[in-house]
Structure formats: structure tokens, C-alpha cells
Amino acid sequence: MIPLSMARPGETVTIRKITGKDEVRQHLAELGFVVEESVTVVSEIGGNLILQVKDSRIALDRSLANRVLF
């Protein structure tokens, strides 16, 4: 599995696993990052990602993006 931070702009991936403490996983789930959900990388700026999840665009810093694996 590869961390989401390694995905390139324009790439669509399916989440396979989310790591980290319960609070971190819960926070990501509230943002829409759940297993089997498709995520599209809109852009990457300085290691931070803009992601399309469902009908929302969400910004994640590199440390959180490393917790989402595809």
C-alpha cells in the first residue's frame, strides 16, 4: 500500500486503509476519507494536497495524507 501523499495530481485512487490514532481516523472519516472511497488528487502544493472526495474539495497536509493508504 502507498500513502496518499505519493499520488500525483489528476490521479484517482481508492482508499484501502487509514492508519493512526482513533482520533485521527475519526477526523478523517468525518471528512469523507473512509475505506473503499474514491479520492481524486486535484493539486499538490509544497507536499500539501487538495483532494476531491465525494462532492467536496478538501486540503490535507502531508502528515495526514501519509495516514491514508491506497
PDB file of N, CA and C in Angstrom:
ATOM      1  N   MET A   1       0.844  -1.186   0.000  1.00  0.00           N
ATOM      2  CA  MET A   1       0.000   0.000   0.000  1.00  0.00           C
ATOM      3  C   MET A   1       0.886   1.246   0.000  1.00  0.00           C
ATOM      4  N   ILE A   2       0.376   2.291  -0.620  1.00  0.00           N
ATOM      5  CA  ILE A   2       1.137   3.527  -0.818  1.00  0.00           C
ATOM      6  C   ILE A   2       0.381   4.674  -0.137  1.00  0.00           C
ATOM      7  N   PRO A   3       1.097   5.590   0.543  1.00  0.00           N
ATOM      8  CA  PRO A   3       0.404   6.729   1.154  1.00  0.00           C
ATOM      9  C   PRO A   3      -0.154   7.687   0.096  1.00  0.00           C
ATOM     10  N   LEU A   4      -1.266   8.310   0.440  1.00  0.00           N
ATOM     11  CA  LEU A   4      -1.934   9.246  -0.470  1.00  0.00           C
ATOM     12  C   LEU A   4      -1.018  10.383  -0.887  1.00  0.00           C
ATOM     13  N   SER A   5      -0.056  10.733  -0.050  1.00  0.00           N
ATOM     14  CA  SER A   5       0.866  11.821  -0.380  1.00  0.00           C
ATOM     15  C   SER A   5       1.717  11.504  -1.609  1.00  0.00           C
ATOM     16  N   MET A   6       1.779  10.232  -2.019  1.00  0.00           N
ATOM     17  CA  MET A   6       2.556   9.833  -3.193  1.00  0.00           C
ATOM     18  C   MET A   6       1.742   9.887  -4.497  1.00  0.00           C
ATOM     19  N   ALA A   7       0.437  10.092  -4.390  1.00  0.00           N
ATOM     20  CA  ALA A   7      -0.410  10.171  -5.587  1.00  0.00           C
ATOM     21  C   ALA A   7      -0.128  11.485  -6.325  1.00  0.00           C
ATOM     22  N   ARG A   8      -0.251  11.461  -7.627  1.00  0.00           N
ATOM     23  CA  ARG A   8       0.024  12.622  -8.473  1.00  0.00           C
ATOM     24  C   ARG A   8      -1.267  13.373  -8.804  1.00  0.00           C
ATOM     25  N   PRO A   9      -1.168  14.670  -9.081  1.00  0.00           N
ATOM     26  CA  PRO A   9      -2.360  15.435  -9.479  1.00  0.00           C
ATOM     27  C   PRO A   9      -3.055  14.796 -10.684  1.00  0.00           C
ATOM     28  N   GLY A  10      -4.377  14.719 -10.604  1.00  0.00           N
ATOM     29  CA  GLY A  10      -5.178  14.111 -11.657  1.00  0.00           C
ATOM     30  C   GLY A  10      -5.437  12.635 -11.434  1.00  0.00           C
ATOM     31  N   GLU A  11      -4.717  12.021 -10.498  1.00  0.00           N
ATOM     32  CA  GLU A  11      -4.858  10.594 -10.241  1.00  0.00           C
ATOM     33  C   GLU A  11      -6.048  10.342  -9.307  1.00  0.00           C
ATOM     34  N   THR A  12      -6.835   9.311  -9.624  1.00  0.00           N
ATOM     35  CA  THR A  12      -7.933   8.887  -8.763  1.00  0.00           C
ATOM     36  C   THR A  12      -7.560   7.546  -8.152  1.00  0.00           C
ATOM     37  N   VAL A  13      -7.665   7.460  -6.834  1.00  0.00           N
ATOM     38  CA  VAL A  13      -7.293   6.235  -6.122  1.00  0.00           C
ATOM     39  C   VAL A  13      -8.441   5.822  -5.203  1.00  0.00           C
ATOM     40  N   THR A  14      -8.416   4.570  -4.781  1.00  0.00           N
ATOM     41  CA  THR A  14      -9.397   4.045  -3.838  1.00  0.00           C
ATOM     42  C   THR A  14      -8.696   3.781  -2.517  1.00  0.00           C
ATOM     43  N   ILE A  15      -9.236   4.317  -1.446  1.00  0.00           N
ATOM     44  CA  ILE A  15      -8.640   4.165  -0.118  1.00  0.00           C
ATOM     45  C   ILE A  15      -8.725   2.702   0.311  1.00  0.00           C
ATOM     46  N   ARG A  16      -7.607   2.160   0.764  1.00  0.00           N
ATOM     47  CA  ARG A  16      -7.540   0.771   1.229  1.00  0.00           C
ATOM     48  C   ARG A  16      -7.438   0.675   2.741  1.00  0.00           C
ATOM     49  N   LYS A  17      -6.756   1.667   3.385  1.00  0.00           N
ATOM     50  CA  LYS A  17      -6.543   1.611   4.836  1.00  0.00           C
ATOM     51  C   LYS A  17      -6.257   3.012   5.350  1.00  0.00           C
ATOM     52  N   ILE A  18      -6.659   3.258   6.594  1.00  0.00           N
ATOM     53  CA  ILE A  18      -6.349   4.526   7.255  1.00  0.00           C
ATOM     54  C   ILE A  18      -5.666   4.189   8.567  1.00  0.00           C
ATOM     55  N   THR A  19      -4.470   4.753   8.776  1.00  0.00           N
ATOM     56  CA  THR A  19      -3.687   4.450   9.969  1.00  0.00           C
ATOM     57  C   THR A  19      -3.717   5.622  10.937  1.00  0.00           C
ATOM     58  N   GLY A  20      -3.193   5.403  12.128  1.00  0.00           N
ATOM     59  CA  GLY A  20      -3.100   6.474  13.120  1.00  0.00           C
ATOM     60  C   GLY A  20      -3.967   6.188  14.328  1.00  0.00           C
ATOM     61  N   LYS A  21      -3.944   7.123  15.262  1.00  0.00           N
ATOM     62  CA  LYS A  21      -4.739   7.012  16.475  1.00  0.00           C
ATOM     63  C   LYS A  21      -6.219   7.107  16.140  1.00  0.00           C
ATOM     64  N   ASP A  22      -7.057   6.655  17.075  1.00  0.00           N
ATOM     65  CA  ASP A  22      -8.505   6.679  16.863  1.00  0.00           C
ATOM     66  C   ASP A  22      -9.011   8.079  16.519  1.00  0.00           C
ATOM     67  N   GLU A  23      -8.466   9.107  17.190  1.00  0.00           N
ATOM     68  CA  GLU A  23      -8.931  10.479  16.944  1.00  0.00           C
ATOM     69  C   GLU A  23      -8.625  10.907  15.510  1.00  0.00           C
ATOM     70  N   VAL A  24      -7.453  10.531  15.014  1.00  0.00           N
ATOM     71  CA  VAL A  24      -7.045  10.898  13.655  1.00  0.00           C
ATOM     72  C   VAL A  24      -7.946  10.180  12.640  1.00  0.00           C
ATOM     73  N   ARG A  25      -8.161   8.879  12.844  1.00  0.00           N
ATOM     74  CA  ARG A  25      -9.004   8.120  11.923  1.00  0.00           C
ATOM     75  C   ARG A  25     -10.441   8.641  11.932  1.00  0.00           C
ATOM     76  N   GLN A  26     -10.941   9.014  13.111  1.00  0.00           N
ATOM     77  CA  GLN A  26     -12.298   9.556  13.224  1.00  0.00           C
ATOM     78  C   GLN A  26     -12.402  10.891  12.479  1.00  0.00           C
ATOM     79  N   HIS A  27     -11.399  11.746  12.647  1.00  0.00           N
ATOM     80  CA  HIS A  27     -11.390  13.052  11.975  1.00  0.00           C
ATOM     81  C   HIS A  27     -11.404  12.872  10.451  1.00  0.00           C
ATOM     82  N   LEU A  28     -10.565  11.964   9.951  1.00  0.00           N
ATOM     83  CA  LEU A  28     -10.526  11.711   8.509  1.00  0.00           C
ATOM     84  C   LEU A  28     -11.846  11.134   8.017  1.00  0.00           C
ATOM     85  N   ALA A  29     -12.465  10.253   8.811  1.00  0.00           N
ATOM     86  CA  ALA A  29     -13.758   9.680   8.430  1.00  0.00           C
ATOM     87  C   ALA A  29     -14.829  10.764   8.335  1.00  0.00           C
ATOM     88  N   GLU A  30     -14.794  11.724   9.251  1.00  0.00           N
ATOM     89  CA  GLU A  30     -15.759  12.830   9.212  1.00  0.00           C
ATOM     90  C   GLU A  30     -15.580  13.692   7.971  1.00  0.00           C
ATOM     91  N   LEU A  31     -14.356  13.731   7.443  1.00  0.00           N
ATOM     92  CA  LEU A  31     -14.090  14.492   6.213  1.00  0.00           C
ATOM     93  C   LEU A  31     -14.451  13.696   4.959  1.00  0.00           C
ATOM     94  N   GLY A  32     -14.762  12.408   5.124  1.00  0.00           N
ATOM     95  CA  GLY A  32     -15.142  11.585   3.981  1.00  0.00           C
ATOM     96  C   GLY A  32     -14.100  10.563   3.570  1.00  0.00           C
ATOM     97  N   PHE A  33     -12.994  10.501   4.298  1.00  0.00           N
ATOM     98  CA  PHE A  33     -11.929   9.548   3.975  1.00  0.00           C
ATOM     99  C   PHE A  33     -12.213   8.228   4.676  1.00  0.00           C
ATOM    100  N   VAL A  34     -12.920   7.330   3.983  1.00  0.00           N
ATOM    101  CA  VAL A  34     -13.253   6.016   4.522  1.00  0.00           C
ATOM    102  C   VAL A  34     -12.781   4.952   3.533  1.00  0.00           C
ATOM    103  N   VAL A  35     -12.579   3.744   4.025  1.00  0.00           N
ATOM    104  CA  VAL A  35     -12.110   2.642   3.191  1.00  0.00           C
ATOM    105  C   VAL A  35     -13.091   2.401   2.050  1.00  0.00           C
ATOM    106  N   GLU A  36     -12.556   2.139   0.862  1.00  0.00           N
ATOM    107  CA  GLU A  36     -13.291   1.881  -0.388  1.00  0.00           C
ATOM    108  C   GLU A  36     -13.846   3.153  -1.042  1.00  0.00           C
ATOM    109  N   GLU A  37     -13.543   4.321  -0.495  1.00  0.00           N
ATOM    110  CA  GLU A  37     -13.972   5.585  -1.110  1.00  0.00           C
ATOM    111  C   GLU A  37     -12.947   6.014  -2.152  1.00  0.00           C
ATOM    112  N   SER A  38     -13.408   6.544  -3.276  1.00  0.00           N
ATOM    113  CA  SER A  38     -12.511   7.060  -4.305  1.00  0.00           C
ATOM    114  C   SER A  38     -12.146   8.507  -3.991  1.00  0.00           C
ATOM    115  N   VAL A  39     -10.876   8.830  -4.205  1.00  0.00           N
ATOM    116  CA  VAL A  39     -10.350  10.172  -3.945  1.00  0.00           C
ATOM    117  C   VAL A  39      -9.551  10.593  -5.164  1.00  0.00           C
ATOM    118  N   THR A  40      -9.764  11.830  -5.622  1.00  0.00           N
ATOM    119  CA  THR A  40      -9.003  12.365  -6.748  1.00  0.00           C
ATOM    120  C   THR A  40      -8.098  13.485  -6.250  1.00  0.00           C
ATOM    121  N   VAL A  41      -6.834  13.427  -6.650  1.00  0.00           N
ATOM    122  CA  VAL A  41      -5.887  14.480  -6.293  1.00  0.00           C
ATOM    123  C   VAL A  41      -6.089  15.629  -7.284  1.00  0.00           C
ATOM    124  N   VAL A  42      -6.518  16.781  -6.785  1.00  0.00           N
ATOM    125  CA  VAL A  42      -6.745  17.945  -7.632  1.00  0.00           C
ATOM    126  C   VAL A  42      -5.432  18.673  -7.870  1.00  0.00           C
ATOM    127  N   SER A  43      -4.687  18.926  -6.782  1.00  0.00           N
ATOM    128  CA  SER A  43      -3.384  19.578  -6.919  1.00  0.00           C
ATOM    129  C   SER A  43      -2.529  19.288  -5.695  1.00  0.00           C
ATOM    130  N   GLU A  44      -1.244  19.584  -5.844  1.00  0.00           N
ATOM    131  CA  GLU A  44      -0.273  19.369  -4.771  1.00  0.00           C
ATOM    132  C   GLU A  44       0.618  20.600  -4.707  1.00  0.00           C
ATOM    133  N   ILE A  45       0.678  21.204  -3.519  1.00  0.00           N
ATOM    134  CA  ILE A  45       1.480  22.410  -3.342  1.00  0.00           C
ATOM    135  C   ILE A  45       2.335  22.233  -2.097  1.00  0.00           C
ATOM    136  N   GLY A  46       3.638  22.141  -2.273  1.00  0.00           N
ATOM    137  CA  GLY A  46       4.553  22.019  -1.153  1.00  0.00           C
ATOM    138  C   GLY A  46       4.303  20.796  -0.284  1.00  0.00           C
ATOM    139  N   GLY A  47       3.835  19.707  -0.881  1.00  0.00           N
ATOM    140  CA  GLY A  47       3.571  18.488  -0.129  1.00  0.00           C
ATOM    141  C   GLY A  47       2.164  18.405   0.419  1.00  0.00           C
ATOM    142  N   ASN A  48       1.432  19.513   0.387  1.00  0.00           N
ATOM    143  CA  ASN A  48       0.037  19.511   0.834  1.00  0.00           C
ATOM    144  C   ASN A  48      -0.862  19.228  -0.361  1.00  0.00           C
ATOM    145  N   LEU A  49      -1.964  18.509  -0.116  1.00  0.00           N
ATOM    146  CA  LEU A  49      -2.823  18.060  -1.211  1.00  0.00           C
ATOM    147  C   LEU A  49      -4.199  18.709  -1.162  1.00  0.00           C
ATOM    148  N   ILE A  50      -4.733  19.018  -2.341  1.00  0.00           N
ATOM    149  CA  ILE A  50      -6.133  19.382  -2.489  1.00  0.00           C
ATOM    150  C   ILE A  50      -6.795  18.148  -3.102  1.00  0.00           C
ATOM    151  N   LEU A  51      -7.806  17.623  -2.420  1.00  0.00           N
ATOM    152  CA  LEU A  51      -8.419  16.358  -2.825  1.00  0.00           C
ATOM    153  C   LEU A  51      -9.907  16.520  -3.072  1.00  0.00           C
ATOM    154  N   GLN A  52     -10.414  15.790  -4.052  1.00  0.00           N
ATOM    155  CA  GLN A  52     -11.845  15.734  -4.324  1.00  0.00           C
ATOM    156  C   GLN A  52     -12.364  14.451  -3.690  1.00  0.00           C
ATOM    157  N   VAL A  53     -13.238  14.596  -2.688  1.00  0.00           N
ATOM    158  CA  VAL A  53     -13.844  13.456  -2.011  1.00  0.00           C
ATOM    159  C   VAL A  53     -15.344  13.651  -2.078  1.00  0.00           C
ATOM    160  N   LYS A  54     -16.032  12.698  -2.709  1.00  0.00           N
ATOM    161  CA  LYS A  54     -17.467  12.821  -2.942  1.00  0.00           C
ATOM    162  C   LYS A  54     -17.696  14.154  -3.670  1.00  0.00           C
ATOM    163  N   ASP A  55     -18.484  15.067  -3.102  1.00  0.00           N
ATOM    164  CA  ASP A  55     -18.748  16.343  -3.783  1.00  0.00           C
ATOM    165  C   ASP A  55     -17.990  17.505  -3.150  1.00  0.00           C
ATOM    166  N   SER A  56     -16.948  17.212  -2.386  1.00  0.00           N
ATOM    167  CA  SER A  56     -16.211  18.253  -1.673  1.00  0.00           C
ATOM    168  C   SER A  56     -14.743  18.262  -2.048  1.00  0.00           C
ATOM    169  N   ARG A  57     -14.140  19.437  -1.951  1.00  0.00           N
ATOM    170  CA  ARG A  57     -12.690  19.559  -2.090  1.00  0.00           C
ATOM    171  C   ARG A  57     -12.124  19.827  -0.715  1.00  0.00           C
ATOM    172  N   ILE A  58     -11.119  19.040  -0.350  1.00  0.00           N
ATOM    173  CA  ILE A  58     -10.549  19.118   0.988  1.00  0.00           C
ATOM    174  C   ILE A  58      -9.039  19.224   0.876  1.00  0.00           C
ATOM    175  N   ALA A  59      -8.442  20.066   1.714  1.00  0.00           N
ATOM    176  CA  ALA A  59      -6.988  20.196   1.763  1.00  0.00           C
ATOM    177  C   ALA A  59      -6.464  19.357   2.927  1.00  0.00           C
ATOM    178  N   LEU A  60      -5.430  18.568   2.654  1.00  0.00           N
ATOM    179  CA  LEU A  60      -4.769  17.780   3.698  1.00  0.00           C
ATOM    180  C   LEU A  60      -3.287  18.087   3.680  1.00  0.00           C
ATOM    181  N   ASP A  61      -2.699  18.240   4.862  1.00  0.00           N
ATOM    182  CA  ASP A  61      -1.251  18.412   4.900  1.00  0.00           C
ATOM    183  C   ASP A  61      -0.589  17.045   4.721  1.00  0.00           C
ATOM    184  N   ARG A  62       0.705  17.074   4.487  1.00  0.00           N
ATOM    185  CA  ARG A  62       1.433  15.835   4.181  1.00  0.00           C
ATOM    186  C   ARG A  62       1.301  14.800   5.307  1.00  0.00           C
ATOM    187  N   SER A  63       1.334  15.222   6.566  1.00  0.00           N
ATOM    188  CA  SER A  63       1.282  14.257   7.671  1.00  0.00           C
ATOM    189  C   SER A  63      -0.040  13.495   7.694  1.00  0.00           C
ATOM    190  N   LEU A  64      -1.149  14.175   7.416  1.00  0.00           N
ATOM    191  CA  LEU A  64      -2.434  13.473   7.359  1.00  0.00           C
ATOM    192  C   LEU A  64      -2.543  12.633   6.095  1.00  0.00           C
ATOM    193  N   ALA A  65      -2.052  13.140   4.984  1.00  0.00           N
ATOM    194  CA  ALA A  65      -2.104  12.382   3.735  1.00  0.00           C
ATOM    195  C   ALA A  65      -1.292  11.088   3.842  1.00  0.00           C
ATOM    196  N   ASN A  66      -0.244  11.076   4.647  1.00  0.00           N
ATOM    197  CA  ASN A  66       0.546   9.871   4.852  1.00  0.00           C
ATOM    198  C   ASN A  66      -0.209   8.792   5.615  1.00  0.00           C
ATOM    199  N   ARG A  67      -1.269   9.168   6.319  1.00  0.00           N
ATOM    200  CA  ARG A  67      -2.059   8.210   7.087  1.00  0.00           C
ATOM    201  C   ARG A  67      -3.087   7.472   6.226  1.00  0.00           C
ATOM    202  N   VAL A  68      -3.378   8.021   5.048  1.00  0.00           N
ATOM    203  CA  VAL A  68      -4.355   7.412   4.138  1.00  0.00           C
ATOM    204  C   VAL A  68      -3.597   6.600   3.111  1.00  0.00           C
ATOM    205  N   LEU A  69      -3.873   5.309   3.035  1.00  0.00           N
ATOM    206  CA  LEU A  69      -3.158   4.409   2.129  1.00  0.00           C
ATOM    207  C   LEU A  69      -4.076   3.912   1.026  1.00  0.00           C
ATOM    208  N   PHE A  70      -3.492   3.792  -0.187  1.00  0.00           N
ATOM    209  CA  PHE A  70      -4.247   3.233  -1.304  1.00  0.00           C
ATOM    210  C   PHE A  70      -3.484   2.094  -1.935  1.00  0.00           C
TER     211      PHE A  70
END
